[in-house]
Amino acid sequence: MKVLVKGGRVIDPANGLDLVADVLIDQGKIAAIIPDGQSQADAAGGADKNPSAEVTVIEATGKLIVPGLIDMHVHLREPGFERKETIASGTRAAARGGFTSVVCMPNTQPVADNRAVIEFIINQARSTGVVNVYPIGAITKGSRGEELSEMADLAAGGAIAFSDDGRPVMNAQIMRLALEYAKIGDWLIIPHCEDLNLSAEGQMNEGYWAMLLGLKGIPAVAEEAMIARDLMLAEMTGSRLHIAHVSTAGSVQLIREAKKRGIRVSAEVTPHHLVLTDEAVASFSTSTKVNPPLRSEKDRLALLEGLADGTIEVIATDHAPHTLEEKDCEYNYAPFGISGLETAVPLVWSELIEKKVISLEKLIACLTVNPARILGLAKGSLGIGEEADLTIIDPEMEQIVRVDDFVSQGKNSPFDGWQLKGWPVATIVKGRVVMKNGQV
C-alpha cells in the first residue's frame, strides 16, 4: 500500500525543507516529496516502482508535515511496574502525542542493568508497541551507583545510551569510570544530576513558595553542583554527556560555558519546566510534584533563553506515569512525576510558537533531528528512501486537555482543563497510520 499525505507544509530541518508539498510513502519508506504544482509522475522521474498498489490519501492542507517526533526521555515502567504503565499503553500515549520514537529509561524492576531486560523491552515493544522503542541501559548495577554495569553487553543487546535516571551517581569515581568506559563505543552517558545530600527529603523548589507553603525545598545548587562535577569529568575524559531535564538558570549557564570550552555536552528541557513555575504547587495538587522540581520564573525564563540560543537542543517529556492511588495522597508522600506524552506538542506550541520564543524550524529540530543526532539514530528526517515516520500537526486546532481521555495509564497531569493550541492529528510509523484525529 501507498500513502499520500497531501497539501501540507513540509518542515524538515535535517534537510532544510520548508515548502507546501505532498509526501508519498511506498512500502514503508519515503518515496517522494512532491512540491505543490508538480505531478507525482514528475517527482518520481516517471518511474513508479509499485504502480498497482492501492493509495491511501491523507488530506493535510493547512497542516504541518514533519519528521516523526522523538522523545528521548520516557518511563514505560515495564517490566515490573505495569500498574503504572506498560509498553503497550505507553507507546499508544506516544502515538497520540505525535511521537513515532521513544527512548525508555532503565528504572524498571528488575533494573535494565543486564542484557536480558534490554532484550525483553525490545521484544515486548515489537509485539505490543505501536511506535519505535529504544531502551537505555543502567550505568550501574541496580542503579545503586556502586558498581558499573556490563555496558558493552548492554550495548550489544540493544541499549543506545546509559543512565541511572531517577537516581544520581553520587560517587564521582564511579561516574569517571563510566565516562571512560563509554569511550569504547562512544556511548552517551545521561546522568540524573542531583546531589542527594542537598536535596534530601525535599518536596519542591527551595524559595518563596516553599517557605509560604511549609514544604521542604530542593535548592537549585543540588542540580547545579552535580552538573558542574559531571561537566568537569566529561572534559577530563573527552566523553559524551547529555544533561537530562535541566531546570535552573545556573544549570543553563554551566552548560553554555562548557560548550564554549569544547566539552561534548548536550541538554534537554521538559515542557512542564517551560510552562510552569513553583507557584503552581500552591494548589497542593500532587500532579505538580516532579524531580527536578518546578522552579522560579527566573529559572523558567533562563530555560527559554537556553532553547533560543541553542544551549539546550532537545525537548523531552520525562513522561513519568503513576497510579491514581499513588498520587492521591498528601504532597509529602506522593511520588515525583508527570504523565507528559499526550500534552507535549500543544504545550510547547502554545508557549514557544504562539509567543514567538523560537522559530518553528527550531522547535521541530528540538523534537526530531537533534535527539536523533545525539542518540545516533537514523531518524528525524524525511530523506528519500528513509523509513516513513511522520507527524502531522494542526497549528490551528484548539482543544481542552482532559486527562480522563489519556490512553496512558498515568493520569497525573497538572494540565487537566487547560485549553491548548497546535495538536498532532496523525502519527505515521514506518508507513503505517497509528494515530488519526486522536484515535490510536
Protein backbone atom coordinates (compact mmCIF):
# COMPACT_ATOMS: atom_id res chain seq x y z
CA MET A 1 0.00 0.00 0.00
CA LYS A 2 0.99 3.56 -0.68
CA VAL A 3 0.12 6.56 1.46
CA LEU A 4 -0.07 10.05 0.00
CA VAL A 5 -0.08 12.88 2.53
CA LYS A 6 -1.43 15.79 0.52
CA GLY A 7 -1.05 19.52 0.59
CA GLY A 8 0.68 20.14 3.91
CA ARG A 9 3.54 22.42 4.81
CA VAL A 10 6.56 20.13 4.95
CA ILE A 11 9.14 21.22 7.53
CA ASP A 12 12.27 19.08 7.72
CA PRO A 13 15.17 20.84 9.47
CA ALA A 14 17.53 17.94 8.74
CA ASN A 15 17.22 18.57 5.00
CA GLY A 16 16.46 22.28 5.08
CA LEU A 17 12.94 21.84 3.72
CA ASP A 18 10.07 24.26 4.26
CA LEU A 19 7.53 24.05 1.44
CA VAL A 20 3.97 23.11 0.62
CA ALA A 21 4.10 19.61 -0.80
CA ASP A 22 2.71 16.09 -0.89
CA VAL A 23 4.65 13.27 0.74
CA LEU A 24 4.43 9.88 -0.97
CA ILE A 25 5.06 6.81 1.15
CA ASP A 26 5.62 3.45 -0.54
CA GLN A 27 6.39 0.15 1.20
CA GLY A 28 7.06 1.95 4.47
CA LYS A 29 9.62 4.36 3.01
CA ILE A 30 9.61 7.99 1.92
CA ALA A 31 9.26 7.62 -1.86
CA ALA A 32 8.94 11.26 -2.91
CA ILE A 33 8.31 14.78 -1.71
CA ILE A 34 6.22 16.43 -4.39
CA PRO A 35 6.19 20.24 -4.34
CA ASP A 36 2.86 21.95 -4.85
CA GLY A 37 2.12 22.10 -8.57
CA GLN A 38 4.37 19.19 -9.54
CA SER A 39 2.88 15.86 -10.58
CA GLN A 40 3.58 12.60 -8.82
CA ALA A 41 5.00 11.12 -12.01
CA ASP A 42 7.40 14.03 -12.47
CA ALA A 43 8.57 13.75 -8.87
CA ALA A 44 9.26 10.04 -9.31
CA GLY A 45 11.11 10.64 -12.56
CA GLY A 46 8.37 8.88 -14.49
CA ALA A 47 9.19 5.51 -12.91
CA ASP A 48 6.76 4.10 -10.37
CA LYS A 49 8.21 1.04 -8.67
CA ASN A 50 4.86 -0.02 -7.29
CA PRO A 51 2.24 1.10 -9.87
CA SER A 52 -0.52 -1.34 -8.88
CA ALA A 53 -0.52 -0.52 -5.16
CA GLU A 54 -3.64 0.97 -3.61
CA VAL A 55 -3.12 4.57 -2.49
CA THR A 56 -4.46 5.87 0.82
CA VAL A 57 -4.79 9.65 0.77
CA ILE A 58 -4.45 11.74 3.94
CA GLU A 59 -5.50 15.35 3.47
CA ALA A 60 -3.07 17.73 5.21
CA THR A 61 -3.98 21.12 3.74
CA GLY A 62 -3.35 23.82 6.33
CA LYS A 63 -1.38 21.41 8.49
CA LEU A 64 2.30 20.73 9.12
CA ILE A 65 4.04 17.57 7.93
CA VAL A 66 7.18 17.00 9.96
CA PRO A 67 9.57 14.11 10.63
CA GLY A 68 8.27 11.72 13.26
CA LEU A 69 8.79 13.27 16.70
CA ILE A 70 11.33 11.66 19.04
CA ASP A 71 11.06 11.70 22.83
CA MET A 72 14.43 10.75 24.27
CA HIS A 73 13.27 10.57 27.89
CA VAL A 74 10.28 8.46 28.89
CA HIS A 75 9.45 5.92 31.58
CA LEU A 76 7.48 2.99 30.17
CA ARG A 77 7.59 1.18 33.55
CA GLU A 78 7.63 -2.33 32.07
CA PRO A 79 8.89 -4.73 33.34
CA GLY A 80 7.90 -4.55 36.97
CA PHE A 81 5.59 -1.56 37.28
CA GLU A 82 2.82 -2.48 34.85
CA ARG A 83 0.23 -0.99 37.21
CA LYS A 84 1.66 2.44 36.28
CA GLU A 85 2.23 1.89 32.55
CA THR A 86 3.01 -0.84 30.04
CA ILE A 87 4.93 -0.71 26.80
CA ALA A 88 1.57 -1.16 25.03
CA SER A 89 -0.15 1.74 26.81
CA GLY A 90 2.93 3.98 26.85
CA THR A 91 3.57 3.64 23.13
CA ARG A 92 -0.10 4.37 22.42
CA ALA A 93 0.21 7.51 24.52
CA ALA A 94 3.28 8.41 22.46
CA ALA A 95 1.39 7.88 19.20
CA ARG A 96 -1.50 10.03 20.44
CA GLY A 97 1.05 12.73 21.34
CA GLY A 98 2.62 12.66 17.87
CA PHE A 99 5.77 10.72 18.81
CA THR A 100 6.99 7.99 16.47
CA SER A 101 10.01 7.04 18.60
CA VAL A 102 10.56 6.95 22.35
CA VAL A 103 13.66 6.22 24.40
CA CYS A 104 12.88 4.50 27.69
CA MET A 105 14.77 4.83 30.95
CA PRO A 106 16.10 1.80 32.87
CA ASN A 107 14.40 2.28 36.26
CA THR A 108 12.25 -0.80 35.82
CA GLN A 109 12.03 -3.84 38.10
CA PRO A 110 14.35 -5.56 37.56
CA VAL A 111 16.53 -2.61 36.56
CA ALA A 112 17.68 -2.65 32.94
CA ASP A 113 21.25 -3.35 34.01
CA ASN A 114 21.57 -6.63 32.12
CA ARG A 115 21.13 -7.78 28.56
CA ALA A 116 18.07 -9.94 29.32
CA VAL A 117 15.99 -6.93 30.40
CA ILE A 118 17.11 -4.86 27.40
CA GLU A 119 16.14 -7.67 25.04
CA PHE A 120 12.82 -8.15 26.84
CA ILE A 121 11.95 -4.47 26.31
CA ILE A 122 12.86 -4.67 22.61
CA ASN A 123 10.86 -7.85 22.06
CA GLN A 124 7.87 -6.58 24.04
CA ALA A 125 7.89 -3.37 22.01
CA ARG A 126 7.86 -5.38 18.79
CA SER A 127 4.90 -7.46 19.90
CA THR A 128 2.76 -4.89 21.77
CA GLY A 129 4.08 -1.41 20.89
CA VAL A 130 2.89 0.91 18.14
CA VAL A 131 5.91 3.23 17.90
CA ASN A 132 9.67 2.68 17.83
CA VAL A 133 11.13 1.94 21.28
CA TYR A 134 14.83 2.31 22.13
CA PRO A 135 15.97 1.20 25.59
CA ILE A 136 18.61 2.86 27.74
CA GLY A 137 20.80 0.68 29.94
CA ALA A 138 21.71 1.43 33.54
CA ILE A 139 25.10 2.97 34.27
CA THR A 140 25.49 0.94 37.46
CA LYS A 141 24.20 -2.41 38.69
CA GLY A 142 20.76 -1.95 40.20
CA SER A 143 21.23 1.79 39.59
CA ARG A 144 22.76 1.83 43.06
CA GLY A 145 25.77 3.87 41.96
CA GLU A 146 28.27 1.38 43.39
CA GLU A 147 29.49 -0.82 40.53
CA LEU A 148 29.42 -0.33 36.76
CA SER A 149 27.01 -2.42 34.72
CA GLU A 150 28.29 -4.53 31.82
CA MET A 151 27.89 -1.63 29.43
CA ALA A 152 29.37 -3.36 26.38
CA ASP A 153 27.00 -6.30 26.78
CA LEU A 154 24.05 -3.95 27.23
CA ALA A 155 25.02 -2.10 24.05
CA ALA A 156 25.33 -5.40 22.19
CA GLY A 157 21.83 -6.27 23.38
CA GLY A 158 20.36 -3.03 22.01
CA ALA A 159 20.88 -0.29 24.64
CA ILE A 160 21.53 3.01 22.85
CA ALA A 161 22.78 5.04 25.85
CA PHE A 162 23.33 4.74 29.60
CA SER A 163 21.64 6.41 32.58
CA ASP A 164 20.65 5.77 36.17
CA ASP A 165 17.79 8.22 35.73
CA GLY A 166 15.80 8.66 38.89
CA ARG A 167 19.00 8.10 40.85
CA PRO A 168 22.18 10.17 40.64
CA VAL A 169 25.59 8.53 40.51
CA MET A 170 26.80 10.13 43.73
CA ASN A 171 30.30 8.62 43.65
CA ALA A 172 32.47 10.78 41.40
CA GLN A 173 34.96 7.97 40.79
CA ILE A 174 32.19 5.68 39.54
CA MET A 175 30.99 8.42 37.18
CA ARG A 176 34.54 8.94 35.96
CA LEU A 177 34.90 5.24 35.23
CA ALA A 178 31.55 5.20 33.43
CA LEU A 179 32.60 8.07 31.20
CA GLU A 180 35.95 6.44 30.47
CA TYR A 181 34.34 3.07 29.74
CA ALA A 182 31.78 4.75 27.47
CA LYS A 183 34.59 5.81 25.15
CA ILE A 184 34.82 2.19 23.95
CA GLY A 185 31.77 2.70 21.77
CA ASP A 186 31.46 6.48 22.03
CA TRP A 187 28.32 5.76 24.05
CA LEU A 188 26.23 8.54 25.51
CA ILE A 189 26.00 8.98 29.29
CA ILE A 190 22.82 10.67 30.58
CA PRO A 191 23.18 11.48 34.28
CA HIS A 192 20.42 12.42 36.68
CA CYS A 193 22.10 15.46 38.20
CA GLU A 194 21.08 15.79 41.83
CA ASP A 195 23.17 15.97 44.99
CA LEU A 196 21.11 13.89 47.40
CA ASN A 197 22.79 15.46 50.40
CA LEU A 198 21.48 18.86 49.34
CA SER A 199 18.05 17.72 48.17
CA ALA A 200 17.30 15.15 50.89
CA GLU A 201 13.57 14.92 51.67
CA GLY A 202 12.87 18.00 49.56
CA GLN A 203 9.41 18.26 48.01
CA MET A 204 9.59 21.34 45.76
CA ASN A 205 11.88 24.17 44.72
CA GLU A 206 13.56 25.96 47.59
CA GLY A 207 12.38 29.57 47.63
CA TYR A 208 9.48 31.87 48.41
CA TRP A 209 6.71 29.38 47.64
CA ALA A 210 8.28 26.56 49.62
CA MET A 211 8.54 28.87 52.61
CA LEU A 212 4.95 30.07 52.18
CA LEU A 213 3.55 26.54 51.74
CA GLY A 214 5.60 24.95 54.50
CA LEU A 215 7.21 22.35 52.23
CA LYS A 216 10.88 21.37 52.41
CA GLY A 217 12.77 22.86 49.48
CA ILE A 218 15.21 21.45 46.95
CA PRO A 219 17.81 24.13 46.22
CA ALA A 220 18.94 24.87 42.69
CA VAL A 221 22.53 24.08 43.69
CA ALA A 222 21.56 20.43 44.23
CA GLU A 223 21.29 20.19 40.44
CA GLU A 224 23.99 22.66 39.54
CA ALA A 225 26.72 21.13 41.71
CA MET A 226 26.27 17.72 40.06
CA ILE A 227 26.15 19.22 36.58
CA ALA A 228 29.38 21.08 37.29
CA ARG A 229 31.03 17.86 38.52
CA ASP A 230 29.90 15.82 35.54
CA LEU A 231 30.96 18.52 33.08
CA MET A 232 34.46 18.51 34.57
CA LEU A 233 34.61 14.72 34.35
CA ALA A 234 33.41 14.82 30.74
CA GLU A 235 36.08 17.40 29.96
CA MET A 236 38.74 15.24 31.57
CA THR A 237 37.69 12.04 29.80
CA GLY A 238 36.61 13.50 26.46
CA SER A 239 33.39 11.50 26.63
CA ARG A 240 29.88 12.46 25.54
CA LEU A 241 27.45 13.74 28.17
CA HIS A 242 23.76 14.60 27.89
CA ILE A 243 22.19 16.54 30.75
CA ALA A 244 18.61 15.40 31.40
CA HIS A 245 15.71 17.65 32.43
CA VAL A 246 17.63 20.90 33.01
CA SER A 247 15.64 23.12 35.37
CA THR A 248 17.68 26.07 36.67
CA ALA A 249 19.26 29.25 35.34
CA GLY A 250 22.60 28.24 36.83
CA SER A 251 22.49 24.91 35.02
CA VAL A 252 21.87 26.62 31.69
CA GLN A 253 24.85 28.90 32.24
CA LEU A 254 27.12 25.98 33.22
CA ILE A 255 26.19 24.12 30.03
CA ARG A 256 26.59 27.24 27.91
CA GLU A 257 30.11 27.83 29.26
CA ALA A 258 31.01 24.15 28.87
CA LYS A 259 30.08 24.21 25.20
CA LYS A 260 32.30 27.22 24.68
CA ARG A 261 35.17 25.20 26.17
CA GLY A 262 34.54 22.39 23.70
CA ILE A 263 33.09 19.86 26.15
CA ARG A 264 30.96 17.27 24.35
CA VAL A 265 27.72 18.06 26.12
CA SER A 266 24.09 18.33 25.07
CA ALA A 267 20.99 19.08 27.12
CA GLU A 268 17.22 18.71 27.24
CA VAL A 269 14.32 20.51 28.89
CA THR A 270 10.78 19.33 29.60
CA PRO A 271 7.56 21.07 28.54
CA HIS A 272 6.44 21.34 32.16
CA HIS A 273 9.58 23.22 33.16
CA LEU A 274 8.99 25.59 30.24
CA VAL A 275 5.41 26.49 31.15
CA LEU A 276 5.06 26.10 34.93
CA THR A 277 6.78 27.57 37.98
CA ASP A 278 6.84 26.61 41.65
CA GLU A 279 3.83 28.88 42.18
CA ALA A 280 1.75 26.03 40.69
CA VAL A 281 2.45 23.98 43.82
CA ALA A 282 0.19 26.37 45.78
CA SER A 283 -2.72 24.21 44.59
CA PHE A 284 -1.17 21.31 46.53
CA SER A 285 -2.03 19.12 43.54
CA THR A 286 0.44 16.24 43.58
CA SER A 287 0.49 16.39 39.77
CA THR A 288 2.82 19.39 40.19
CA LYS A 289 5.36 17.29 42.08
CA VAL A 290 8.28 16.48 39.79
CA ASN A 291 12.01 15.90 40.08
CA PRO A 292 13.72 18.19 39.35
CA PRO A 293 11.03 20.42 40.82
CA LEU A 294 9.22 23.24 39.11
CA ARG A 295 11.46 26.25 39.59
CA SER A 296 11.13 30.03 39.77
CA GLU A 297 10.07 32.36 36.99
CA LYS A 298 13.70 33.46 36.65
CA ASP A 299 14.71 29.86 36.01
CA ARG A 300 11.87 29.33 33.53
CA LEU A 301 12.92 32.38 31.53
CA ALA A 302 16.53 31.16 31.52
CA LEU A 303 15.37 27.82 30.10
CA LEU A 304 13.54 29.62 27.30
CA GLU A 305 16.66 31.66 26.59
CA GLY A 306 18.75 28.48 26.58
CA LEU A 307 16.46 26.96 23.95
CA ALA A 308 16.55 30.12 21.87
CA ASP A 309 20.35 30.37 21.79
CA GLY A 310 20.96 26.64 21.26
CA THR A 311 22.42 25.85 24.68
CA ILE A 312 19.54 23.37 25.08
CA GLU A 313 18.95 21.35 21.90
CA VAL A 314 16.20 18.92 22.89
CA ILE A 315 12.68 19.00 24.29
CA ALA A 316 11.84 15.72 26.07
CA THR A 317 8.84 14.90 28.23
CA ASP A 318 10.30 12.86 31.11
CA HIS A 319 6.95 11.03 30.89
CA ALA A 320 6.53 9.54 34.38
CA PRO A 321 3.12 7.90 34.84
CA HIS A 322 1.85 6.87 38.26
CA THR A 323 -1.36 5.28 39.51
CA LEU A 324 -4.18 7.38 40.88
CA GLU A 325 -3.72 5.75 44.29
CA GLU A 326 -0.04 6.74 44.45
CA LYS A 327 -0.73 10.39 43.64
CA ASP A 328 -3.95 10.70 45.66
CA CYS A 329 -2.30 11.48 48.98
CA GLU A 330 -0.60 14.26 50.92
CA TYR A 331 2.02 16.16 48.95
CA ASN A 332 4.92 14.89 51.07
CA TYR A 333 4.07 11.24 50.34
CA ALA A 334 3.36 11.44 46.61
CA PRO A 335 5.92 10.17 44.06
CA PHE A 336 7.55 12.60 41.65
CA GLY A 337 6.37 12.67 38.06
CA ILE A 338 4.06 13.97 35.32
CA SER A 339 2.37 11.96 32.56
CA GLY A 340 3.59 14.10 29.68
CA LEU A 341 3.46 12.37 26.29
CA GLU A 342 -0.05 13.40 25.27
CA THR A 343 0.24 17.12 26.01
CA ALA A 344 3.83 17.89 25.00
CA VAL A 345 3.26 19.23 21.48
CA PRO A 346 0.40 21.66 22.23
CA LEU A 347 2.18 22.84 25.38
CA VAL A 348 5.36 23.80 23.54
CA TRP A 349 3.38 25.13 20.60
CA SER A 350 1.36 27.42 22.85
CA GLU A 351 4.40 28.54 24.86
CA LEU A 352 7.11 28.74 22.20
CA ILE A 353 5.44 29.35 18.84
CA GLU A 354 2.36 31.36 19.77
CA LYS A 355 4.55 33.58 21.96
CA LYS A 356 7.33 33.75 19.32
CA VAL A 357 10.07 32.47 21.64
CA ILE A 358 11.76 30.35 18.98
CA SER A 359 11.22 29.68 15.29
CA LEU A 360 9.04 26.86 14.06
CA GLU A 361 12.04 25.22 12.41
CA LYS A 362 13.99 25.25 15.69
CA LEU A 363 11.07 23.75 17.60
CA ILE A 364 10.76 20.90 15.11
CA ALA A 365 14.53 20.35 15.24
CA CYS A 366 14.37 20.07 19.05
CA LEU A 367 11.84 17.26 18.66
CA THR A 368 13.35 15.44 15.65
CA VAL A 369 16.82 15.76 14.17
CA ASN A 370 18.52 16.98 17.36
CA PRO A 371 17.61 13.99 19.56
CA ALA A 372 18.27 11.67 16.60
CA ARG A 373 21.76 13.13 16.13
CA ILE A 374 22.60 13.00 19.84
CA LEU A 375 21.44 9.38 20.13
CA GLY A 376 22.91 8.24 16.82
CA LEU A 377 19.53 7.18 15.41
CA ALA A 378 18.73 7.09 11.69
CA LYS A 379 15.58 9.06 12.37
CA GLY A 380 14.40 12.65 12.49
CA SER A 381 14.30 13.47 8.77
CA LEU A 382 12.20 12.98 5.66
CA GLY A 383 15.01 11.87 3.37
CA ILE A 384 14.02 9.88 0.28
CA GLY A 385 14.38 6.15 0.96
CA GLU A 386 14.25 6.56 4.75
CA GLU A 387 11.66 4.90 6.97
CA ALA A 388 8.39 6.80 6.75
CA ASP A 389 7.99 8.17 10.27
CA LEU A 390 5.88 11.33 10.08
CA THR A 391 3.83 13.53 12.36
CA ILE A 392 1.03 15.79 11.13
CA ILE A 393 0.24 18.81 13.32
CA ASP A 394 -2.74 21.13 13.03
CA PRO A 395 -1.44 24.55 14.13
CA GLU A 396 -4.96 25.98 14.43
CA MET A 397 -6.54 23.16 16.39
CA GLU A 398 -7.58 24.16 19.91
CA GLN A 399 -8.97 21.81 22.49
CA ILE A 400 -9.14 21.29 26.22
CA VAL A 401 -6.86 18.78 27.93
CA ARG A 402 -8.91 16.05 29.58
CA VAL A 403 -6.79 13.56 31.50
CA ASP A 404 -9.67 11.09 31.60
CA ASP A 405 -9.19 10.76 27.83
CA PHE A 406 -5.48 9.89 28.12
CA VAL A 407 -4.58 6.50 26.70
CA SER A 408 -1.64 6.41 29.10
CA GLN A 409 -2.44 4.60 32.33
CA GLY A 410 -0.96 7.62 34.11
CA LYS A 411 -3.49 10.43 34.52
CA ASN A 412 -1.13 12.50 36.68
CA SER A 413 -1.06 15.76 34.75
CA PRO A 414 -1.31 19.33 36.08
CA PHE A 415 -2.68 20.46 32.69
CA ASP A 416 -6.16 18.97 33.06
CA GLY A 417 -8.64 21.60 31.87
CA TRP A 418 -6.05 23.73 30.04
CA GLN A 419 -7.04 24.93 26.57
CA LEU A 420 -4.11 24.46 24.22
CA LYS A 421 -3.40 25.03 20.54
CA GLY A 422 -1.36 23.09 17.98
CA TRP A 423 -2.26 19.41 18.34
CA PRO A 424 -0.93 16.38 16.48
CA VAL A 425 -3.68 14.93 14.28
CA ALA A 426 -1.86 11.97 12.72
CA THR A 427 1.14 9.80 13.54
CA ILE A 428 2.67 7.53 10.91
CA VAL A 429 5.27 4.90 11.83
CA LYS A 430 7.09 3.06 9.02
CA GLY A 431 4.30 3.99 6.65
CA ARG A 432 1.53 2.79 8.95
CA VAL A 433 -1.01 5.25 10.34
CA VAL A 434 -1.04 4.53 14.08
CA MET A 435 -2.98 7.63 15.19
CA LYS A 436 -5.52 9.76 13.38
CA ASN A 437 -7.59 12.55 14.91
CA GLY A 438 -6.67 11.44 18.43
CA GLN A 439 -7.66 7.81 17.89
CA VAL A 440 -4.86 5.26 18.20
